[in-house]
Amino acid sequence: MLEIFGQIEAPEALNKFGTVEQGALGKLIDLVIRTLIVGAGIYALINLVLAGYAFISAGDDPKKVAGAWAKIWQTLLGLAVAAGSFVLAAIFGKLVFNDYMFLLKPKIPSL
């Protein structure tokens, strides 16, 4: 049934990851995690700038000031959670697998 498709080649963009036997899945997961963390940092920066602008433009309105402070606090808390996830992953990796980078740089074995 599958012979009708012929030889299937990997897309050129995925060749830099190598094959599954060379740990391509672990590299892909690592890239996705790092991209998400960078995206969270950029989002937090934009959110802090907008919250700062809202705080400055709030004037004497206590509801606007409280809303801006809440947005700033929530953004900083989100950054702390994102950074803390790396710390916790390193601690759990050391405790369970005796390697700090075990969960941060996954190496998925293949058959």
N, C-alpha and C. Protein backbone atom coordinates (compact mmCIF):
# COMPACT_ATOMS: atom_id res chain seq x y z
N MET A 1 0.82 -1.19 0.00
CA MET A 1 0.00 0.00 0.00
C MET A 1 0.87 1.26 0.00
N LEU A 2 1.91 1.30 0.81
CA LEU A 2 2.73 2.50 0.91
C LEU A 2 3.70 2.66 -0.25
N GLU A 3 3.80 1.65 -1.11
CA GLU A 3 4.71 1.74 -2.24
C GLU A 3 4.28 2.81 -3.24
N ILE A 4 3.04 3.20 -3.21
CA ILE A 4 2.57 4.20 -4.17
C ILE A 4 3.17 5.59 -3.89
N PHE A 5 3.65 5.79 -2.70
CA PHE A 5 4.24 7.09 -2.36
C PHE A 5 5.70 7.19 -2.77
N GLY A 6 6.38 6.10 -2.90
CA GLY A 6 7.78 6.11 -3.27
C GLY A 6 8.68 6.48 -2.08
N GLN A 7 9.88 6.96 -2.37
CA GLN A 7 10.84 7.33 -1.33
C GLN A 7 10.46 8.69 -0.74
N ILE A 8 10.34 8.76 0.56
CA ILE A 8 9.98 10.01 1.23
C ILE A 8 11.22 10.59 1.88
N GLU A 9 11.55 11.80 1.52
CA GLU A 9 12.72 12.49 2.09
C GLU A 9 12.25 13.51 3.12
N ALA A 10 13.08 13.73 4.12
CA ALA A 10 12.77 14.74 5.14
C ALA A 10 12.88 16.12 4.52
N PRO A 11 12.08 17.09 4.98
CA PRO A 11 12.21 18.45 4.48
C PRO A 11 13.60 19.02 4.78
N GLU A 12 14.07 19.91 3.94
CA GLU A 12 15.42 20.47 4.07
C GLU A 12 15.62 21.15 5.43
N ALA A 13 14.58 21.79 5.95
CA ALA A 13 14.70 22.50 7.22
C ALA A 13 14.94 21.55 8.39
N LEU A 14 14.51 20.30 8.26
CA LEU A 14 14.67 19.34 9.36
C LEU A 14 15.99 18.57 9.28
N ASN A 15 16.75 18.72 8.20
CA ASN A 15 18.01 18.00 8.07
C ASN A 15 19.03 18.40 9.11
N LYS A 16 18.95 19.63 9.64
CA LYS A 16 19.92 20.07 10.64
C LYS A 16 19.76 19.34 11.97
N PHE A 17 18.61 18.72 12.19
CA PHE A 17 18.40 17.98 13.42
C PHE A 17 18.99 16.58 13.37
N GLY A 18 19.24 16.07 12.19
CA GLY A 18 19.76 14.72 12.04
C GLY A 18 18.64 13.71 12.01
N THR A 19 18.98 12.48 12.30
CA THR A 19 17.99 11.41 12.30
C THR A 19 17.50 11.15 13.71
N VAL A 20 16.49 10.32 13.81
CA VAL A 20 15.97 9.98 15.14
C VAL A 20 17.04 9.28 15.96
N GLU A 21 17.85 8.46 15.31
CA GLU A 21 18.91 7.75 16.01
C GLU A 21 19.99 8.71 16.54
N GLN A 22 20.13 9.86 15.92
CA GLN A 22 21.12 10.86 16.36
C GLN A 22 20.55 11.82 17.39
N GLY A 23 19.31 11.62 17.83
CA GLY A 23 18.71 12.46 18.85
C GLY A 23 17.95 13.65 18.31
N ALA A 24 17.37 13.51 17.14
CA ALA A 24 16.66 14.62 16.51
C ALA A 24 15.44 15.05 17.32
N LEU A 25 14.75 14.11 17.93
CA LEU A 25 13.55 14.45 18.69
C LEU A 25 13.90 15.29 19.91
N GLY A 26 14.97 14.94 20.59
CA GLY A 26 15.42 15.73 21.74
C GLY A 26 15.83 17.13 21.35
N LYS A 27 16.50 17.26 20.20
CA LYS A 27 16.90 18.59 19.71
C LYS A 27 15.69 19.42 19.36
N LEU A 28 14.69 18.80 18.76
CA LEU A 28 13.47 19.51 18.39
C LEU A 28 12.72 19.99 19.63
N ILE A 29 12.60 19.13 20.63
CA ILE A 29 11.94 19.51 21.88
C ILE A 29 12.70 20.65 22.56
N ASP A 30 14.03 20.58 22.56
CA ASP A 30 14.85 21.63 23.14
C ASP A 30 14.62 22.96 22.42
N LEU A 31 14.54 22.93 21.10
CA LEU A 31 14.30 24.15 20.32
C LEU A 31 12.92 24.74 20.62
N VAL A 32 11.92 23.88 20.73
CA VAL A 32 10.57 24.36 21.03
C VAL A 32 10.51 25.00 22.41
N ILE A 33 11.13 24.37 23.40
CA ILE A 33 11.13 24.91 24.76
C ILE A 33 11.84 26.25 24.80
N ARG A 34 12.98 26.36 24.17
CA ARG A 34 13.72 27.63 24.17
C ARG A 34 12.95 28.72 23.43
N THR A 35 12.28 28.36 22.34
CA THR A 35 11.49 29.34 21.61
C THR A 35 10.33 29.85 22.46
N LEU A 36 9.68 28.95 23.20
CA LEU A 36 8.59 29.37 24.07
C LEU A 36 9.07 30.29 25.19
N ILE A 37 10.24 30.01 25.75
CA ILE A 37 10.77 30.86 26.82
C ILE A 37 11.15 32.24 26.28
N VAL A 38 11.76 32.29 25.10
CA VAL A 38 12.09 33.58 24.49
C VAL A 38 10.80 34.35 24.18
N GLY A 39 9.80 33.66 23.67
CA GLY A 39 8.51 34.29 23.41
C GLY A 39 7.87 34.83 24.69
N ALA A 40 7.99 34.09 25.79
CA ALA A 40 7.46 34.56 27.06
C ALA A 40 8.20 35.81 27.53
N GLY A 41 9.51 35.85 27.32
CA GLY A 41 10.28 37.04 27.70
C GLY A 41 9.90 38.26 26.88
N ILE A 42 9.73 38.08 25.59
CA ILE A 42 9.33 39.21 24.72
C ILE A 42 7.93 39.69 25.09
N TYR A 43 7.03 38.75 25.34
CA TYR A 43 5.68 39.11 25.75
C TYR A 43 5.70 39.87 27.08
N ALA A 44 6.52 39.42 28.02
CA ALA A 44 6.62 40.09 29.32
C ALA A 44 7.17 41.50 29.16
N LEU A 45 8.16 41.67 28.31
CA LEU A 45 8.72 43.01 28.09
C LEU A 45 7.67 43.96 27.52
N ILE A 46 6.93 43.50 26.52
CA ILE A 46 5.88 44.33 25.93
C ILE A 46 4.81 44.62 26.97
N ASN A 47 4.45 43.62 27.75
CA ASN A 47 3.43 43.80 28.77
C ASN A 47 3.88 44.79 29.84
N LEU A 48 5.16 44.74 30.24
CA LEU A 48 5.67 45.70 31.22
C LEU A 48 5.68 47.12 30.67
N VAL A 49 6.04 47.29 29.43
CA VAL A 49 6.03 48.63 28.82
C VAL A 49 4.61 49.18 28.77
N LEU A 50 3.66 48.36 28.35
CA LEU A 50 2.27 48.81 28.30
C LEU A 50 1.71 49.10 29.69
N ALA A 51 2.06 48.27 30.66
CA ALA A 51 1.60 48.52 32.03
C ALA A 51 2.24 49.79 32.60
N GLY A 52 3.51 50.01 32.29
CA GLY A 52 4.15 51.25 32.73
C GLY A 52 3.50 52.47 32.11
N TYR A 53 3.17 52.39 30.85
CA TYR A 53 2.47 53.50 30.19
C TYR A 53 1.10 53.72 30.82
N ALA A 54 0.39 52.62 31.14
CA ALA A 54 -0.92 52.75 31.78
C ALA A 54 -0.78 53.37 33.16
N PHE A 55 0.30 53.03 33.86
CA PHE A 55 0.53 53.60 35.19
C PHE A 55 0.81 55.09 35.10
N ILE A 56 1.64 55.47 34.14
CA ILE A 56 2.00 56.88 33.98
C ILE A 56 0.77 57.70 33.55
N SER A 57 -0.04 57.15 32.67
CA SER A 57 -1.19 57.89 32.16
C SER A 57 -2.42 57.77 33.06
N ALA A 58 -2.32 57.05 34.17
CA ALA A 58 -3.48 56.87 35.05
C ALA A 58 -3.88 58.16 35.74
N GLY A 59 -2.94 59.03 35.98
CA GLY A 59 -3.26 60.29 36.66
C GLY A 59 -3.67 60.04 38.10
N ASP A 60 -4.80 60.64 38.51
CA ASP A 60 -5.27 60.51 39.89
C ASP A 60 -6.36 59.46 40.06
N ASP A 61 -6.62 58.70 39.02
CA ASP A 61 -7.68 57.68 39.10
C ASP A 61 -7.14 56.44 39.81
N PRO A 62 -7.60 56.15 41.03
CA PRO A 62 -7.07 55.00 41.78
C PRO A 62 -7.35 53.64 41.12
N LYS A 63 -8.46 53.53 40.39
CA LYS A 63 -8.76 52.25 39.72
C LYS A 63 -7.77 51.96 38.61
N LYS A 64 -7.39 52.98 37.85
CA LYS A 64 -6.42 52.78 36.78
C LYS A 64 -5.03 52.47 37.34
N VAL A 65 -4.68 53.15 38.44
CA VAL A 65 -3.38 52.88 39.08
C VAL A 65 -3.34 51.45 39.61
N ALA A 66 -4.43 51.01 40.25
CA ALA A 66 -4.49 49.64 40.77
C ALA A 66 -4.44 48.62 39.63
N GLY A 67 -5.12 48.91 38.53
CA GLY A 67 -5.08 48.00 37.38
C GLY A 67 -3.68 47.89 36.78
N ALA A 68 -2.99 49.03 36.68
CA ALA A 68 -1.63 49.01 36.14
C ALA A 68 -0.69 48.26 37.07
N TRP A 69 -0.82 48.47 38.38
CA TRP A 69 0.03 47.73 39.33
C TRP A 69 -0.24 46.24 39.25
N ALA A 70 -1.52 45.87 39.10
CA ALA A 70 -1.86 44.44 38.99
C ALA A 70 -1.22 43.84 37.74
N LYS A 71 -1.24 44.58 36.64
CA LYS A 71 -0.64 44.07 35.40
C LYS A 71 0.87 43.93 35.55
N ILE A 72 1.51 44.90 36.19
CA ILE A 72 2.96 44.82 36.43
C ILE A 72 3.28 43.63 37.32
N TRP A 73 2.53 43.46 38.40
CA TRP A 73 2.76 42.36 39.34
C TRP A 73 2.57 41.00 38.65
N GLN A 74 1.52 40.87 37.85
CA GLN A 74 1.25 39.60 37.17
C GLN A 74 2.33 39.29 36.15
N THR A 75 2.85 40.31 35.48
CA THR A 75 3.92 40.10 34.51
C THR A 75 5.19 39.63 35.20
N LEU A 76 5.55 40.27 36.30
CA LEU A 76 6.75 39.87 37.03
C LEU A 76 6.59 38.47 37.63
N LEU A 77 5.39 38.15 38.08
CA LEU A 77 5.14 36.80 38.59
C LEU A 77 5.27 35.76 37.49
N GLY A 78 4.78 36.07 36.29
CA GLY A 78 4.92 35.16 35.16
C GLY A 78 6.37 34.94 34.77
N LEU A 79 7.18 36.02 34.81
CA LEU A 79 8.61 35.87 34.54
C LEU A 79 9.28 35.01 35.60
N ALA A 80 8.89 35.17 36.84
CA ALA A 80 9.46 34.35 37.91
C ALA A 80 9.10 32.88 37.73
N VAL A 81 7.89 32.60 37.30
CA VAL A 81 7.48 31.22 37.05
C VAL A 81 8.29 30.62 35.89
N ALA A 82 8.47 31.40 34.82
CA ALA A 82 9.23 30.91 33.67
C ALA A 82 10.68 30.63 34.06
N ALA A 83 11.29 31.53 34.82
CA ALA A 83 12.68 31.31 35.25
C ALA A 83 12.76 30.18 36.27
N GLY A 84 11.77 30.13 37.15
CA GLY A 84 11.76 29.07 38.16
C GLY A 84 11.59 27.69 37.58
N SER A 85 10.93 27.59 36.43
CA SER A 85 10.77 26.28 35.81
C SER A 85 12.11 25.69 35.40
N PHE A 86 13.03 26.56 34.95
CA PHE A 86 14.37 26.07 34.61
C PHE A 86 15.11 25.60 35.86
N VAL A 87 14.99 26.34 36.93
CA VAL A 87 15.65 25.97 38.18
C VAL A 87 15.09 24.65 38.70
N LEU A 88 13.77 24.51 38.70
CA LEU A 88 13.17 23.26 39.17
C LEU A 88 13.53 22.08 38.28
N ALA A 89 13.59 22.30 36.97
CA ALA A 89 13.97 21.21 36.06
C ALA A 89 15.41 20.76 36.34
N ALA A 90 16.29 21.72 36.62
CA ALA A 90 17.67 21.36 36.94
C ALA A 90 17.75 20.61 38.27
N ILE A 91 17.01 21.06 39.27
CA ILE A 91 17.03 20.39 40.57
C ILE A 91 16.48 18.97 40.46
N PHE A 92 15.33 18.81 39.80
CA PHE A 92 14.76 17.47 39.65
C PHE A 92 15.67 16.57 38.80
N GLY A 93 16.30 17.14 37.79
CA GLY A 93 17.23 16.37 36.98
C GLY A 93 18.39 15.85 37.81
N LYS A 94 18.90 16.68 38.70
CA LYS A 94 20.02 16.27 39.56
C LYS A 94 19.56 15.23 40.58
N LEU A 95 18.39 15.44 41.18
CA LEU A 95 17.91 14.50 42.20
C LEU A 95 17.56 13.14 41.62
N VAL A 96 16.89 13.13 40.48
CA VAL A 96 16.40 11.87 39.94
C VAL A 96 17.42 11.19 39.03
N PHE A 97 18.09 11.98 38.17
CA PHE A 97 18.97 11.40 37.16
C PHE A 97 20.45 11.70 37.38
N ASN A 98 20.79 12.44 38.43
CA ASN A 98 22.16 12.81 38.78
C ASN A 98 22.83 13.63 37.67
N ASP A 99 22.04 14.44 36.98
CA ASP A 99 22.55 15.31 35.93
C ASP A 99 21.66 16.54 35.86
N TYR A 100 22.25 17.72 36.06
CA TYR A 100 21.47 18.95 36.06
C TYR A 100 20.79 19.20 34.71
N MET A 101 21.42 18.87 33.62
CA MET A 101 20.91 19.18 32.28
C MET A 101 20.03 18.07 31.69
N PHE A 102 19.73 17.03 32.45
CA PHE A 102 19.00 15.89 31.91
C PHE A 102 17.63 16.30 31.37
N LEU A 103 16.90 17.13 32.10
CA LEU A 103 15.59 17.55 31.65
C LEU A 103 15.65 18.79 30.76
N LEU A 104 16.73 19.55 30.84
CA LEU A 104 16.85 20.76 30.05
C LEU A 104 17.37 20.50 28.65
N LYS A 105 18.16 19.48 28.47
CA LYS A 105 18.67 19.08 27.16
C LYS A 105 18.34 17.59 26.98
N PRO A 106 17.10 17.27 26.63
CA PRO A 106 16.70 15.86 26.58
C PRO A 106 17.40 15.09 25.48
N LYS A 107 17.80 13.88 25.80
CA LYS A 107 18.35 12.95 24.81
C LYS A 107 17.42 11.74 24.82
N ILE A 108 16.65 11.62 23.77
CA ILE A 108 15.66 10.56 23.70
C ILE A 108 16.25 9.39 22.93
N PRO A 109 16.43 8.26 23.59
CA PRO A 109 17.02 7.09 22.91
C PRO A 109 16.03 6.50 21.91
N SER A 110 16.58 5.88 20.90
CA SER A 110 15.74 5.24 19.89
C SER A 110 16.10 3.75 19.83
N LEU A 111 15.24 3.00 19.19
CA LEU A 111 15.46 1.56 19.08
C LEU A 111 16.45 1.23 18.00
